[in-house]
Each structure stands twice: as C-alpha cells, then as structure tokens.
C-alpha cells in the first residue's frame, strides 16, 4: 500500500510566481526568567525552594494473587530405539518418556508499593539581557527579481536571521473537466527557471513543497 504522505506528481500550468524575503531586527531586551542554576550574566532577583522532581520511595508491601503456569507430567509414552551391536545385528531398547502438559495455579506474592516524594531544590529568579527579535523587515513581489529588504536600524539594533521563500501558483486537472489551483514553495534554483503559462510536471510533497519532476 502506498503511503498517503508520498509525493504526488501533477501536470500543471504555471499561473503566477511570487517571492518574499525577510530579515529579523534585534535589540537587547531584559527578560525575567527562572532556572535551577544562575547564568553568569544574569542579575539575581530572589530564590525559592521548589519541587524540582519526584522520587519513588517504598511505602509498604501488599499481597497480590498471581496466576502462573508450570509444566507437569501428564503421562508416559513408550519409545523404542535400536542399538548397533557391531556384529551386523541391532538390539531394540524401550524406554518410558514423560509427556508434559501446562497447568495453571495461583500464588500469593508480596509486591512493593511506592509513593512519589517531592525533591526540593533552589530555583533562581533573575533578569537577563538577550538579543531579541523586535521587528522584521520584509520585501516581496509577484515577479522573478527578488531583492533583500533594507532594514532601518535604530541605535542599539542589529540584523538577525534571514529567510527567503519562493512560490509558484499552478493549475492542474483534478477530475475530468474540473481544475484546481494550488500555491507551492520551491527552491530558488528551480523557481527562477519557470515561466508563466508553462506546462510542467511537479512533484509535490505533503507539506506543499514542490520540485520539478526529473524524468
């Protein structure tokens, strides 16, 4: 059986191409946090003794009746074998072989019962300064000429992570006489080679990411 998550091959017509690029803008922001240890660059506010985890502690034993199985002899069967006497003759020997069967029985066993006991530790509450995303510069377009935005930084700000996404909008025949349109993300290397109105075969995964199907 084929997985429903397997990529789907679709014969499509390219309707539109668009893109977007973003650059995060960061600045130092003071955060209130807590942890079981104090970071070197943190400013301690206060500490508290809090439950950090739980441990199993033996509380008592209780008697539990368990059903078990064991092998017991049911009967004996006669089994014959032949011993080579070395003179061209064989001697028959017979022995009784036990045949076993399984029987169930009950047995009382003592089992430990545990309780959860809290383990306390010192928790630190503190202030700490971190580079934090406070804004995002964005550029986009319905063409194939992507460009990066030019962030306007204030004093104390810097640029952070960059992202780029390229999309194709395409129409395909879903059922005979019926079409459906979808928008899919693609790698730049393939996206830049596409043309509006072009008919092409795309391989589209469950997350909506497409690539040109290489035959």
N, C-alpha and C. Protein backbone atom coordinates (compact mmCIF):
# COMPACT_ATOMS: atom_id res chain seq x y z
N UNK A 1 0.85 -1.20 0.00
CA UNK A 1 0.00 0.00 0.00
C UNK A 1 0.88 1.24 0.00
N UNK A 2 0.58 2.19 -0.88
CA UNK A 2 1.37 3.41 -0.93
C UNK A 2 0.93 4.37 0.16
N UNK A 3 1.89 5.04 0.78
CA UNK A 3 1.57 5.99 1.84
C UNK A 3 0.88 7.22 1.26
N UNK A 4 -0.11 7.73 2.04
CA UNK A 4 -0.80 8.94 1.59
C UNK A 4 0.11 10.16 1.70
N UNK A 5 1.27 9.97 2.36
CA UNK A 5 2.21 11.07 2.50
C UNK A 5 3.25 11.09 1.38
N UNK A 6 3.17 10.12 0.48
CA UNK A 6 4.12 10.08 -0.63
C UNK A 6 3.88 11.28 -1.54
N UNK A 7 4.95 11.83 -2.14
CA UNK A 7 4.79 12.98 -3.05
C UNK A 7 3.84 12.65 -4.20
N UNK A 8 3.09 13.68 -4.63
CA UNK A 8 2.15 13.50 -5.74
C UNK A 8 2.71 14.17 -7.00
N UNK A 9 2.58 13.48 -8.11
CA UNK A 9 3.03 14.01 -9.39
C UNK A 9 1.83 14.66 -10.07
N UNK A 10 1.97 15.95 -10.45
CA UNK A 10 0.87 16.65 -11.09
C UNK A 10 1.37 17.37 -12.34
N UNK A 11 0.58 17.26 -13.39
CA UNK A 11 0.83 18.03 -14.61
C UNK A 11 0.14 19.38 -14.45
N UNK A 12 0.91 20.46 -14.38
CA UNK A 12 0.34 21.76 -14.05
C UNK A 12 0.66 22.80 -15.12
N UNK A 13 -0.11 23.88 -15.04
CA UNK A 13 0.18 25.08 -15.83
C UNK A 13 0.56 26.19 -14.86
N UNK A 14 1.70 26.83 -15.10
CA UNK A 14 2.17 27.89 -14.19
C UNK A 14 1.33 29.15 -14.38
N UNK A 15 0.66 29.58 -13.30
CA UNK A 15 -0.18 30.79 -13.35
C UNK A 15 0.55 32.02 -12.83
N UNK A 16 1.32 31.85 -11.78
CA UNK A 16 1.95 33.02 -11.16
C UNK A 16 3.20 32.59 -10.40
N UNK A 17 4.10 33.54 -10.21
CA UNK A 17 5.34 33.32 -9.46
C UNK A 17 5.52 34.48 -8.50
N UNK A 18 5.78 34.19 -7.24
CA UNK A 18 5.99 35.27 -6.27
C UNK A 18 7.06 34.85 -5.26
N UNK A 19 7.51 35.82 -4.49
CA UNK A 19 8.60 35.58 -3.56
C UNK A 19 8.47 36.50 -2.35
N UNK A 20 9.18 36.15 -1.29
CA UNK A 20 9.30 37.05 -0.13
C UNK A 20 10.61 36.77 0.58
N UNK A 21 11.21 37.85 1.07
CA UNK A 21 12.45 37.75 1.84
C UNK A 21 12.31 38.58 3.10
N UNK A 22 12.85 38.07 4.20
CA UNK A 22 12.75 38.78 5.47
C UNK A 22 14.10 38.81 6.18
N UNK A 23 14.31 39.86 6.96
CA UNK A 23 15.49 39.99 7.82
C UNK A 23 14.99 40.42 9.20
N UNK A 24 15.34 39.65 10.22
CA UNK A 24 14.94 40.00 11.59
C UNK A 24 15.75 41.19 12.08
N UNK A 25 15.09 42.01 12.88
CA UNK A 25 15.77 43.14 13.54
C UNK A 25 15.78 42.84 15.04
N UNK A 26 16.97 42.89 15.62
CA UNK A 26 17.12 42.52 17.04
C UNK A 26 17.64 43.69 17.85
N UNK A 27 17.28 43.67 19.13
CA UNK A 27 17.88 44.60 20.08
C UNK A 27 17.93 43.91 21.44
N UNK A 28 18.74 44.43 22.35
CA UNK A 28 18.88 43.82 23.67
C UNK A 28 17.64 44.15 24.50
N UNK A 29 17.00 43.10 24.99
CA UNK A 29 15.79 43.25 25.81
C UNK A 29 16.01 42.50 27.12
N UNK A 30 15.52 43.09 28.21
CA UNK A 30 15.62 42.46 29.53
C UNK A 30 14.47 41.47 29.71
N UNK A 31 14.80 40.23 30.06
CA UNK A 31 13.81 39.18 30.26
C UNK A 31 13.82 38.73 31.72
N UNK A 32 12.65 38.45 32.26
CA UNK A 32 12.54 37.84 33.58
C UNK A 32 12.41 36.33 33.40
N UNK A 33 13.37 35.59 33.97
CA UNK A 33 13.39 34.15 33.79
C UNK A 33 13.69 33.45 35.11
N UNK A 34 13.59 32.13 35.09
CA UNK A 34 13.93 31.33 36.27
C UNK A 34 14.54 30.03 35.81
N UNK A 35 15.41 29.46 36.66
CA UNK A 35 16.06 28.19 36.33
C UNK A 35 16.67 27.64 37.62
N UNK A 36 17.18 26.39 37.50
CA UNK A 36 17.77 25.75 38.68
C UNK A 36 19.23 26.13 38.87
N UNK A 37 19.77 26.92 37.97
CA UNK A 37 21.11 27.47 38.13
C UNK A 37 21.08 28.91 37.62
N UNK A 38 22.02 29.70 38.07
CA UNK A 38 22.05 31.12 37.72
C UNK A 38 23.07 31.36 36.62
N UNK A 39 22.64 31.82 35.45
CA UNK A 39 23.60 32.14 34.38
C UNK A 39 24.60 33.21 34.83
N UNK A 40 25.79 33.16 34.25
CA UNK A 40 26.84 34.09 34.66
C UNK A 40 26.45 35.55 34.45
N UNK A 41 25.69 35.84 33.38
CA UNK A 41 25.38 37.23 33.05
C UNK A 41 24.00 37.65 33.54
N UNK A 42 23.44 36.89 34.47
CA UNK A 42 22.10 37.21 34.99
C UNK A 42 22.20 38.07 36.25
N UNK A 43 21.12 38.80 36.53
CA UNK A 43 21.04 39.61 37.75
C UNK A 43 19.98 38.96 38.65
N UNK A 44 20.44 38.38 39.75
CA UNK A 44 19.56 37.64 40.65
C UNK A 44 18.54 38.56 41.31
N UNK A 45 17.28 38.16 41.29
CA UNK A 45 16.20 38.90 41.96
C UNK A 45 15.88 38.25 43.31
N UNK A 46 15.63 36.94 43.29
CA UNK A 46 15.37 36.21 44.55
C UNK A 46 15.46 34.71 44.27
N UNK A 47 15.45 33.90 45.33
CA UNK A 47 15.45 32.44 45.19
C UNK A 47 14.27 31.86 45.97
N UNK A 48 13.86 30.65 45.55
CA UNK A 48 12.79 29.94 46.25
C UNK A 48 13.11 28.45 46.26
N UNK A 49 12.70 27.79 47.33
CA UNK A 49 12.82 26.33 47.38
C UNK A 49 11.55 25.75 46.75
N UNK A 50 11.73 25.03 45.63
CA UNK A 50 10.59 24.50 44.90
C UNK A 50 10.81 23.04 44.55
N UNK A 51 9.71 22.37 44.18
CA UNK A 51 9.80 20.97 43.78
C UNK A 51 10.46 20.89 42.40
N UNK A 52 11.60 20.21 42.36
CA UNK A 52 12.32 20.05 41.09
C UNK A 52 11.96 18.74 40.39
N UNK A 53 11.70 17.70 41.18
CA UNK A 53 11.36 16.39 40.62
C UNK A 53 10.70 15.55 41.71
N UNK A 54 10.42 14.29 41.37
CA UNK A 54 9.85 13.36 42.34
C UNK A 54 10.67 12.07 42.31
N UNK A 55 10.77 11.43 43.49
CA UNK A 55 11.46 10.14 43.56
C UNK A 55 10.53 9.10 44.15
N UNK A 56 10.76 7.83 43.76
CA UNK A 56 9.95 6.73 44.27
C UNK A 56 10.51 6.28 45.61
N UNK A 57 9.64 6.26 46.61
CA UNK A 57 10.03 5.84 47.95
C UNK A 57 9.14 4.67 48.37
N UNK A 58 9.74 3.59 48.91
CA UNK A 58 8.97 2.43 49.33
C UNK A 58 8.01 2.81 50.45
N UNK A 59 6.74 2.51 50.23
CA UNK A 59 5.71 2.86 51.21
C UNK A 59 5.29 1.63 52.02
N UNK A 60 4.96 0.55 51.34
CA UNK A 60 4.55 -0.68 52.02
C UNK A 60 4.54 -1.83 51.00
N UNK A 61 4.26 -3.02 51.52
CA UNK A 61 4.10 -4.20 50.66
C UNK A 61 2.64 -4.65 50.69
N UNK A 62 2.18 -5.18 49.61
CA UNK A 62 0.83 -5.71 49.58
C UNK A 62 0.84 -7.10 48.94
N UNK A 63 -0.08 -7.93 49.42
CA UNK A 63 -0.17 -9.29 48.91
C UNK A 63 -1.02 -9.31 47.65
N UNK A 64 -0.46 -9.88 46.61
CA UNK A 64 -1.15 -9.96 45.33
C UNK A 64 -1.21 -11.42 44.89
N UNK A 65 -2.37 -11.85 44.47
CA UNK A 65 -2.53 -13.21 43.98
C UNK A 65 -2.30 -13.22 42.48
N UNK A 66 -1.30 -14.01 42.06
CA UNK A 66 -0.96 -14.07 40.64
C UNK A 66 -1.27 -15.46 40.09
N UNK A 67 -1.72 -15.49 38.85
CA UNK A 67 -1.96 -16.76 38.16
C UNK A 67 -0.73 -17.08 37.31
N UNK A 68 -0.19 -18.29 37.53
CA UNK A 68 1.02 -18.68 36.82
C UNK A 68 0.79 -20.03 36.13
N UNK A 69 1.74 -20.41 35.31
CA UNK A 69 1.68 -21.72 34.64
C UNK A 69 2.96 -22.49 34.92
N UNK A 70 2.83 -23.81 34.90
CA UNK A 70 4.01 -24.67 35.08
C UNK A 70 3.80 -25.95 34.29
N UNK A 71 4.91 -26.61 33.96
CA UNK A 71 4.86 -27.87 33.22
C UNK A 71 4.82 -29.02 34.22
N UNK A 72 3.87 -29.93 34.01
CA UNK A 72 3.76 -31.11 34.87
C UNK A 72 3.63 -32.34 33.97
N UNK A 73 4.01 -33.51 34.52
CA UNK A 73 3.93 -34.75 33.75
C UNK A 73 2.47 -35.16 33.62
N UNK A 74 2.08 -35.40 32.37
CA UNK A 74 0.70 -35.83 32.10
C UNK A 74 0.62 -37.36 32.02
N UNK A 75 1.55 -37.96 31.31
CA UNK A 75 1.61 -39.41 31.18
C UNK A 75 2.96 -39.80 30.58
N UNK A 76 3.16 -41.10 30.44
CA UNK A 76 4.40 -41.60 29.85
C UNK A 76 4.08 -42.34 28.55
N UNK A 77 4.99 -42.25 27.63
CA UNK A 77 4.87 -42.98 26.37
C UNK A 77 6.10 -43.85 26.18
N UNK A 78 5.86 -45.01 25.59
CA UNK A 78 6.96 -45.93 25.31
C UNK A 78 7.65 -45.51 24.00
N UNK A 79 8.96 -45.40 24.06
CA UNK A 79 9.74 -45.00 22.90
C UNK A 79 10.80 -46.06 22.62
N UNK A 80 10.82 -46.52 21.39
CA UNK A 80 11.77 -47.56 21.01
C UNK A 80 12.94 -46.97 20.24
N UNK A 81 14.12 -47.56 20.44
CA UNK A 81 15.31 -47.19 19.69
C UNK A 81 16.14 -48.45 19.45
N UNK A 82 17.05 -48.40 18.51
CA UNK A 82 17.86 -49.56 18.14
C UNK A 82 19.34 -49.23 18.34
N UNK A 83 20.05 -50.19 18.98
CA UNK A 83 21.47 -50.02 19.26
C UNK A 83 22.26 -50.99 18.36
N UNK A 84 23.27 -50.43 17.66
CA UNK A 84 24.11 -51.23 16.78
C UNK A 84 25.06 -52.05 17.65
N UNK A 85 24.97 -53.35 17.57
CA UNK A 85 25.83 -54.23 18.38
C UNK A 85 27.21 -54.42 17.76
N UNK A 86 27.41 -53.93 16.53
CA UNK A 86 28.72 -54.02 15.89
C UNK A 86 28.99 -55.33 15.21
N UNK A 87 28.06 -56.24 15.23
CA UNK A 87 28.25 -57.54 14.59
C UNK A 87 27.22 -57.78 13.50
N UNK A 88 26.64 -56.72 13.04
CA UNK A 88 25.64 -56.84 12.00
C UNK A 88 24.22 -56.95 12.53
N UNK A 89 24.11 -56.98 13.87
CA UNK A 89 22.79 -57.07 14.48
C UNK A 89 22.48 -55.80 15.28
N UNK A 90 21.19 -55.54 15.45
CA UNK A 90 20.73 -54.40 16.24
C UNK A 90 19.85 -54.90 17.36
N UNK A 91 19.95 -54.25 18.49
CA UNK A 91 19.13 -54.61 19.65
C UNK A 91 18.10 -53.52 19.91
N UNK A 92 16.86 -53.90 20.05
CA UNK A 92 15.80 -52.92 20.32
C UNK A 92 15.77 -52.60 21.82
N UNK A 93 15.70 -51.32 22.12
CA UNK A 93 15.59 -50.88 23.51
C UNK A 93 14.34 -50.03 23.65
N UNK A 94 13.65 -50.16 24.76
CA UNK A 94 12.42 -49.42 25.01
C UNK A 94 12.56 -48.65 26.31
N UNK A 95 12.12 -47.38 26.27
CA UNK A 95 12.15 -46.57 27.49
C UNK A 95 10.86 -45.76 27.60
N UNK A 96 10.53 -45.45 28.82
CA UNK A 96 9.33 -44.64 29.07
C UNK A 96 9.72 -43.17 29.08
N UNK A 97 9.07 -42.39 28.21
CA UNK A 97 9.38 -40.96 28.07
C UNK A 97 8.20 -40.15 28.61
N UNK A 98 8.46 -39.19 29.52
CA UNK A 98 7.34 -38.39 30.07
C UNK A 98 6.81 -37.40 29.04
N UNK A 99 5.52 -37.22 29.04
CA UNK A 99 4.85 -36.22 28.21
C UNK A 99 4.28 -35.17 29.15
N UNK A 100 4.62 -33.89 28.90
CA UNK A 100 4.25 -32.82 29.82
C UNK A 100 3.03 -32.06 29.31
N UNK A 101 2.37 -31.42 30.23
CA UNK A 101 1.26 -30.52 29.92
C UNK A 101 1.39 -29.28 30.79
N UNK A 102 0.75 -28.20 30.38
CA UNK A 102 0.80 -26.96 31.15
C UNK A 102 -0.42 -26.87 32.05
N UNK A 103 -0.19 -26.52 33.32
CA UNK A 103 -1.30 -26.29 34.23
C UNK A 103 -1.16 -24.92 34.87
N UNK A 104 -2.28 -24.35 35.21
CA UNK A 104 -2.26 -23.03 35.87
C UNK A 104 -2.47 -23.21 37.36
N UNK A 105 -1.90 -22.27 38.11
CA UNK A 105 -2.06 -22.28 39.56
C UNK A 105 -1.95 -20.84 40.07
N UNK A 106 -2.38 -20.59 41.26
CA UNK A 106 -2.31 -19.26 41.85
C UNK A 106 -1.27 -19.25 42.96
N UNK A 107 -0.67 -18.08 43.10
CA UNK A 107 0.37 -17.93 44.13
C UNK A 107 0.30 -16.53 44.70
N UNK A 108 0.36 -16.44 46.01
CA UNK A 108 0.37 -15.14 46.68
C UNK A 108 1.80 -14.62 46.76
N UNK A 109 2.01 -13.39 46.25
CA UNK A 109 3.34 -12.79 46.28
C UNK A 109 3.26 -11.41 46.94
N UNK A 110 4.35 -11.03 47.58
CA UNK A 110 4.44 -9.72 48.21
C UNK A 110 5.07 -8.74 47.22
N UNK A 111 4.35 -7.68 46.91
CA UNK A 111 4.86 -6.69 45.97
C UNK A 111 5.00 -5.33 46.65
N UNK A 112 6.13 -4.64 46.34
CA UNK A 112 6.32 -3.32 46.95
C UNK A 112 5.40 -2.27 46.32
N UNK A 113 4.94 -1.36 47.13
CA UNK A 113 4.12 -0.23 46.68
C UNK A 113 4.90 1.04 47.00
N UNK A 114 5.10 1.87 45.96
CA UNK A 114 5.90 3.08 46.13
C UNK A 114 5.02 4.33 46.13
N UNK A 115 5.51 5.35 46.77
CA UNK A 115 4.85 6.65 46.71
C UNK A 115 5.81 7.68 46.10
N UNK A 116 5.24 8.69 45.48
CA UNK A 116 6.05 9.76 44.90
C UNK A 116 6.36 10.81 45.98
N UNK A 117 7.64 11.03 46.18
CA UNK A 117 8.06 12.00 47.19
C UNK A 117 8.78 13.16 46.50
N UNK A 118 8.36 14.39 46.76
CA UNK A 118 8.98 15.54 46.07
C UNK A 118 10.43 15.75 46.50
N UNK A 119 11.22 16.18 45.50
CA UNK A 119 12.61 16.55 45.76
C UNK A 119 12.72 18.06 45.56
N UNK A 120 13.13 18.75 46.61
CA UNK A 120 13.19 20.22 46.57
C UNK A 120 14.60 20.69 46.19
N UNK A 121 14.63 21.82 45.52
CA UNK A 121 15.91 22.44 45.16
C UNK A 121 15.70 23.95 45.10
N UNK A 122 16.82 24.66 45.03
CA UNK A 122 16.75 26.12 44.96
C UNK A 122 16.52 26.56 43.52
N UNK A 123 15.47 27.36 43.32
CA UNK A 123 15.20 27.92 42.00
C UNK A 123 15.55 29.40 42.01
N UNK A 124 16.23 29.80 40.94
CA UNK A 124 16.71 31.18 40.85
C UNK A 124 15.81 31.98 39.92
N UNK A 125 15.39 33.14 40.41
CA UNK A 125 14.60 34.08 39.60
C UNK A 125 15.49 35.29 39.32
N UNK A 126 15.59 35.65 38.03
CA UNK A 126 16.58 36.66 37.68
C UNK A 126 16.17 37.44 36.43
N UNK A 127 16.90 38.53 36.23
CA UNK A 127 16.79 39.31 34.99
C UNK A 127 18.00 39.00 34.13
N UNK A 128 17.78 38.95 32.82
CA UNK A 128 18.89 38.69 31.92
C UNK A 128 18.65 39.43 30.61
N UNK A 129 19.70 40.00 30.06
CA UNK A 129 19.60 40.75 28.80
C UNK A 129 19.94 39.83 27.63
N UNK A 130 19.05 39.81 26.63
CA UNK A 130 19.27 38.95 25.46
C UNK A 130 18.95 39.72 24.18
N UNK A 131 19.69 39.36 23.13
CA UNK A 131 19.32 39.86 21.82
C UNK A 131 17.98 39.21 21.44
N UNK A 132 17.01 40.05 21.13
CA UNK A 132 15.64 39.60 20.90
C UNK A 132 15.09 40.21 19.62
N UNK A 133 14.35 39.41 18.85
CA UNK A 133 13.71 39.92 17.63
C UNK A 133 12.59 40.88 18.02
N UNK A 134 12.69 42.13 17.57
CA UNK A 134 11.67 43.13 17.89
C UNK A 134 10.90 43.58 16.65
N UNK A 135 11.42 43.24 15.48
CA UNK A 135 10.75 43.63 14.24
C UNK A 135 11.32 42.78 13.09
N UNK A 136 10.65 42.81 11.97
CA UNK A 136 11.12 42.07 10.80
C UNK A 136 10.94 42.93 9.55
N UNK A 137 12.02 43.12 8.82
CA UNK A 137 11.94 43.84 7.54
C UNK A 137 11.57 42.84 6.46
N UNK A 138 10.66 43.23 5.57
CA UNK A 138 10.16 42.29 4.58
C UNK A 138 10.12 42.93 3.20
N UNK A 139 10.46 42.15 2.19
CA UNK A 139 10.27 42.56 0.80
C UNK A 139 9.61 41.40 0.08
N UNK A 140 8.78 41.71 -0.94
CA UNK A 140 8.07 40.66 -1.67
C UNK A 140 7.70 41.18 -3.05
N UNK A 141 7.31 40.27 -3.91
CA UNK A 141 6.92 40.69 -5.24
C UNK A 141 6.33 39.56 -6.05
N UNK A 142 5.57 39.91 -7.07
CA UNK A 142 5.00 38.94 -8.00
C UNK A 142 5.80 38.96 -9.30
N UNK A 143 7.07 38.68 -9.16
CA UNK A 143 7.96 38.64 -10.32
C UNK A 143 9.09 37.67 -10.00
N UNK A 144 10.11 37.66 -10.81
CA UNK A 144 11.25 36.77 -10.56
C UNK A 144 12.53 37.58 -10.37
N UNK A 145 12.36 38.74 -9.72
CA UNK A 145 13.50 39.61 -9.42
C UNK A 145 13.57 39.88 -7.92
N UNK A 146 13.84 38.84 -7.11
CA UNK A 146 13.85 39.04 -5.66
C UNK A 146 14.99 39.93 -5.20
N UNK A 147 14.73 40.67 -4.14
CA UNK A 147 15.75 41.54 -3.55
C UNK A 147 15.58 41.53 -2.04
N UNK A 148 16.65 41.81 -1.35
CA UNK A 148 16.60 41.82 0.11
C UNK A 148 16.10 43.18 0.60
N UNK A 149 15.31 43.19 1.68
CA UNK A 149 14.88 44.47 2.24
C UNK A 149 16.07 45.20 2.86
N UNK A 150 15.91 46.48 3.06
CA UNK A 150 16.97 47.29 3.67
C UNK A 150 16.45 47.79 5.02
N UNK A 151 16.75 47.05 6.09
CA UNK A 151 16.23 47.42 7.42
C UNK A 151 16.74 48.78 7.86
N UNK A 152 15.85 49.54 8.49
CA UNK A 152 16.24 50.82 9.08
C UNK A 152 16.47 50.58 10.57
N UNK A 153 17.74 50.51 10.93
CA UNK A 153 18.09 50.18 12.31
C UNK A 153 18.16 51.41 13.19
N UNK A 154 17.63 51.27 14.38
CA UNK A 154 17.77 52.33 15.40
C UNK A 154 19.03 52.06 16.19
N UNK A 155 19.41 53.01 17.04
CA UNK A 155 20.59 52.83 17.88
C UNK A 155 20.41 51.58 18.75
N UNK A 156 21.45 50.75 18.80
CA UNK A 156 21.39 49.56 19.64
C UNK A 156 20.75 48.36 18.97
N UNK A 157 20.40 48.48 17.70
CA UNK A 157 19.79 47.37 16.97
C UNK A 157 20.79 46.73 16.01
N UNK A 158 20.48 45.50 15.63
CA UNK A 158 21.31 44.79 14.65
C UNK A 158 20.39 43.88 13.82
N UNK A 159 20.92 43.41 12.69
CA UNK A 159 20.16 42.48 11.87
C UNK A 159 20.39 41.06 12.36
N UNK A 160 19.36 40.22 12.21
CA UNK A 160 19.45 38.83 12.66
C UNK A 160 19.26 37.85 11.53
N UNK A 161 18.43 36.85 11.76
CA UNK A 161 18.24 35.76 10.80
C UNK A 161 17.58 36.26 9.52
N UNK A 162 18.00 35.67 8.41
CA UNK A 162 17.41 35.98 7.10
C UNK A 162 16.65 34.76 6.60
N UNK A 163 15.53 35.00 5.94
CA UNK A 163 14.75 33.92 5.34
C UNK A 163 14.32 34.32 3.94
N UNK A 164 14.21 33.33 3.07
CA UNK A 164 13.74 33.59 1.72
C UNK A 164 12.83 32.45 1.27
N UNK A 165 11.73 32.82 0.62
CA UNK A 165 10.75 31.83 0.19
C UNK A 165 10.29 32.16 -1.23
N UNK A 166 10.14 31.11 -2.03
CA UNK A 166 9.77 31.28 -3.43
C UNK A 166 8.57 30.37 -3.73
N UNK A 167 7.53 30.96 -4.34
CA UNK A 167 6.28 30.24 -4.53
C UNK A 167 5.85 30.22 -5.99
N UNK A 168 5.16 29.14 -6.34
CA UNK A 168 4.57 29.01 -7.66
C UNK A 168 3.08 28.73 -7.47
N UNK A 169 2.25 29.44 -8.21
CA UNK A 169 0.82 29.16 -8.24
C UNK A 169 0.52 28.45 -9.54
N UNK A 170 -0.10 27.27 -9.44
CA UNK A 170 -0.28 26.44 -10.63
C UNK A 170 -1.67 25.81 -10.64
N UNK A 171 -2.17 25.56 -11.84
CA UNK A 171 -3.48 24.92 -12.03
C UNK A 171 -3.27 23.53 -12.60
N UNK A 172 -4.03 22.58 -12.10
CA UNK A 172 -3.96 21.21 -12.61
C UNK A 172 -5.36 20.62 -12.70
N UNK A 173 -5.50 19.59 -13.48
CA UNK A 173 -6.79 18.94 -13.66
C UNK A 173 -6.99 17.94 -12.53
N UNK A 174 -8.02 18.18 -11.71
CA UNK A 174 -8.29 17.30 -10.58
C UNK A 174 -9.15 16.13 -11.02
N UNK A 175 -10.25 16.44 -11.69
CA UNK A 175 -11.12 15.43 -12.28
C UNK A 175 -11.39 15.86 -13.71
N UNK A 176 -11.92 14.96 -14.47
CA UNK A 176 -12.17 15.28 -15.87
C UNK A 176 -13.10 16.48 -15.97
N UNK A 177 -12.59 17.55 -16.57
CA UNK A 177 -13.38 18.76 -16.74
C UNK A 177 -13.32 19.71 -15.56
N UNK A 178 -12.63 19.31 -14.47
CA UNK A 178 -12.55 20.18 -13.30
C UNK A 178 -11.08 20.44 -12.96
N UNK A 179 -10.78 21.69 -12.68
CA UNK A 179 -9.40 22.05 -12.36
C UNK A 179 -9.32 22.59 -10.93
N UNK A 180 -8.11 22.60 -10.41
CA UNK A 180 -7.86 23.13 -9.07
C UNK A 180 -6.53 23.88 -9.09
N UNK A 181 -6.46 24.94 -8.29
CA UNK A 181 -5.26 25.76 -8.24
C UNK A 181 -4.61 25.63 -6.87
N UNK A 182 -3.28 25.52 -6.87
CA UNK A 182 -2.54 25.42 -5.62
C UNK A 182 -1.32 26.32 -5.63
N UNK A 183 -0.85 26.69 -4.45
CA UNK A 183 0.35 27.52 -4.30
C UNK A 183 1.38 26.70 -3.54
N UNK A 184 2.57 26.56 -4.13
CA UNK A 184 3.58 25.68 -3.56
C UNK A 184 4.92 26.40 -3.44
N UNK A 185 5.67 26.04 -2.43
CA UNK A 185 7.01 26.61 -2.26
C UNK A 185 8.02 25.77 -3.04
N UNK A 186 9.06 26.46 -3.56
CA UNK A 186 10.09 25.77 -4.33
C UNK A 186 11.48 26.31 -3.98
N UNK A 187 12.50 25.54 -4.33
CA UNK A 187 13.87 26.04 -4.23
C UNK A 187 14.09 27.11 -5.29
N UNK A 188 14.91 28.10 -4.95
CA UNK A 188 15.18 29.20 -5.87
C UNK A 188 15.76 28.71 -7.20
N UNK A 189 16.64 27.71 -7.13
CA UNK A 189 17.33 27.25 -8.35
C UNK A 189 16.35 26.76 -9.42
N UNK A 190 15.25 26.13 -9.01
CA UNK A 190 14.25 25.67 -9.98
C UNK A 190 13.21 26.75 -10.24
N UNK A 191 12.83 27.48 -9.22
CA UNK A 191 11.79 28.52 -9.34
C UNK A 191 12.17 29.57 -10.38
N UNK A 192 13.45 29.98 -10.37
CA UNK A 192 13.88 31.06 -11.26
C UNK A 192 13.82 30.67 -12.74
N UNK A 193 13.78 29.35 -13.03
CA UNK A 193 13.76 28.88 -14.41
C UNK A 193 12.35 28.75 -14.98
N UNK A 194 11.33 28.85 -14.11
CA UNK A 194 9.94 28.67 -14.57
C UNK A 194 9.44 29.91 -15.31
N UNK A 195 8.40 29.70 -16.11
CA UNK A 195 7.80 30.81 -16.85
C UNK A 195 6.28 30.70 -16.76
N UNK A 196 5.63 31.87 -16.68
CA UNK A 196 4.16 31.89 -16.64
C UNK A 196 3.62 31.26 -17.92
N UNK A 197 2.56 30.46 -17.76
CA UNK A 197 1.94 29.79 -18.89
C UNK A 197 2.59 28.48 -19.26
N UNK A 198 3.74 28.19 -18.66
CA UNK A 198 4.47 26.96 -18.97
C UNK A 198 3.73 25.75 -18.39
N UNK A 199 3.73 24.67 -19.13
CA UNK A 199 3.16 23.41 -18.66
C UNK A 199 4.32 22.53 -18.21
N UNK A 200 4.21 22.01 -17.00
CA UNK A 200 5.33 21.28 -16.43
C UNK A 200 4.80 20.23 -15.45
N UNK A 201 5.64 19.25 -15.15
CA UNK A 201 5.27 18.21 -14.20
C UNK A 201 5.97 18.49 -12.86
N UNK A 202 5.16 18.64 -11.80
CA UNK A 202 5.71 18.92 -10.48
C UNK A 202 5.50 17.73 -9.55
N UNK A 203 6.48 17.54 -8.68
CA UNK A 203 6.35 16.54 -7.61
C UNK A 203 6.13 17.31 -6.32
N UNK A 204 4.97 17.10 -5.69
CA UNK A 204 4.56 17.91 -4.55
C UNK A 204 4.42 17.02 -3.32
N UNK A 205 5.11 17.40 -2.22
CA UNK A 205 5.03 16.58 -1.01
C UNK A 205 3.87 17.02 -0.12
N UNK A 206 3.69 16.30 0.99
CA UNK A 206 2.55 16.54 1.87
C UNK A 206 2.59 17.93 2.52
N UNK A 207 3.78 18.52 2.63
CA UNK A 207 3.92 19.84 3.24
C UNK A 207 3.70 20.97 2.24
N UNK A 208 3.45 20.63 0.97
CA UNK A 208 3.20 21.65 -0.05
C UNK A 208 4.45 22.18 -0.71
N UNK A 209 5.56 21.45 -0.56
CA UNK A 209 6.81 21.86 -1.22
C UNK A 209 6.90 21.14 -2.56
N UNK A 210 7.22 21.87 -3.61
CA UNK A 210 7.23 21.31 -4.96
C UNK A 210 8.63 21.34 -5.57
N UNK A 211 8.86 20.39 -6.46
CA UNK A 211 10.08 20.40 -7.26
C UNK A 211 9.74 19.86 -8.65
N UNK A 212 10.52 20.27 -9.61
CA UNK A 212 10.29 19.80 -10.98
C UNK A 212 10.59 18.31 -11.01
N UNK A 213 9.65 17.54 -11.56
CA UNK A 213 9.84 16.10 -11.64
C UNK A 213 10.84 15.76 -12.74
N UNK A 214 11.97 15.21 -12.31
CA UNK A 214 13.02 14.85 -13.25
C UNK A 214 12.74 13.47 -13.80
N UNK A 215 12.40 13.35 -15.06
CA UNK A 215 12.09 12.06 -15.66
C UNK A 215 13.36 11.33 -16.10
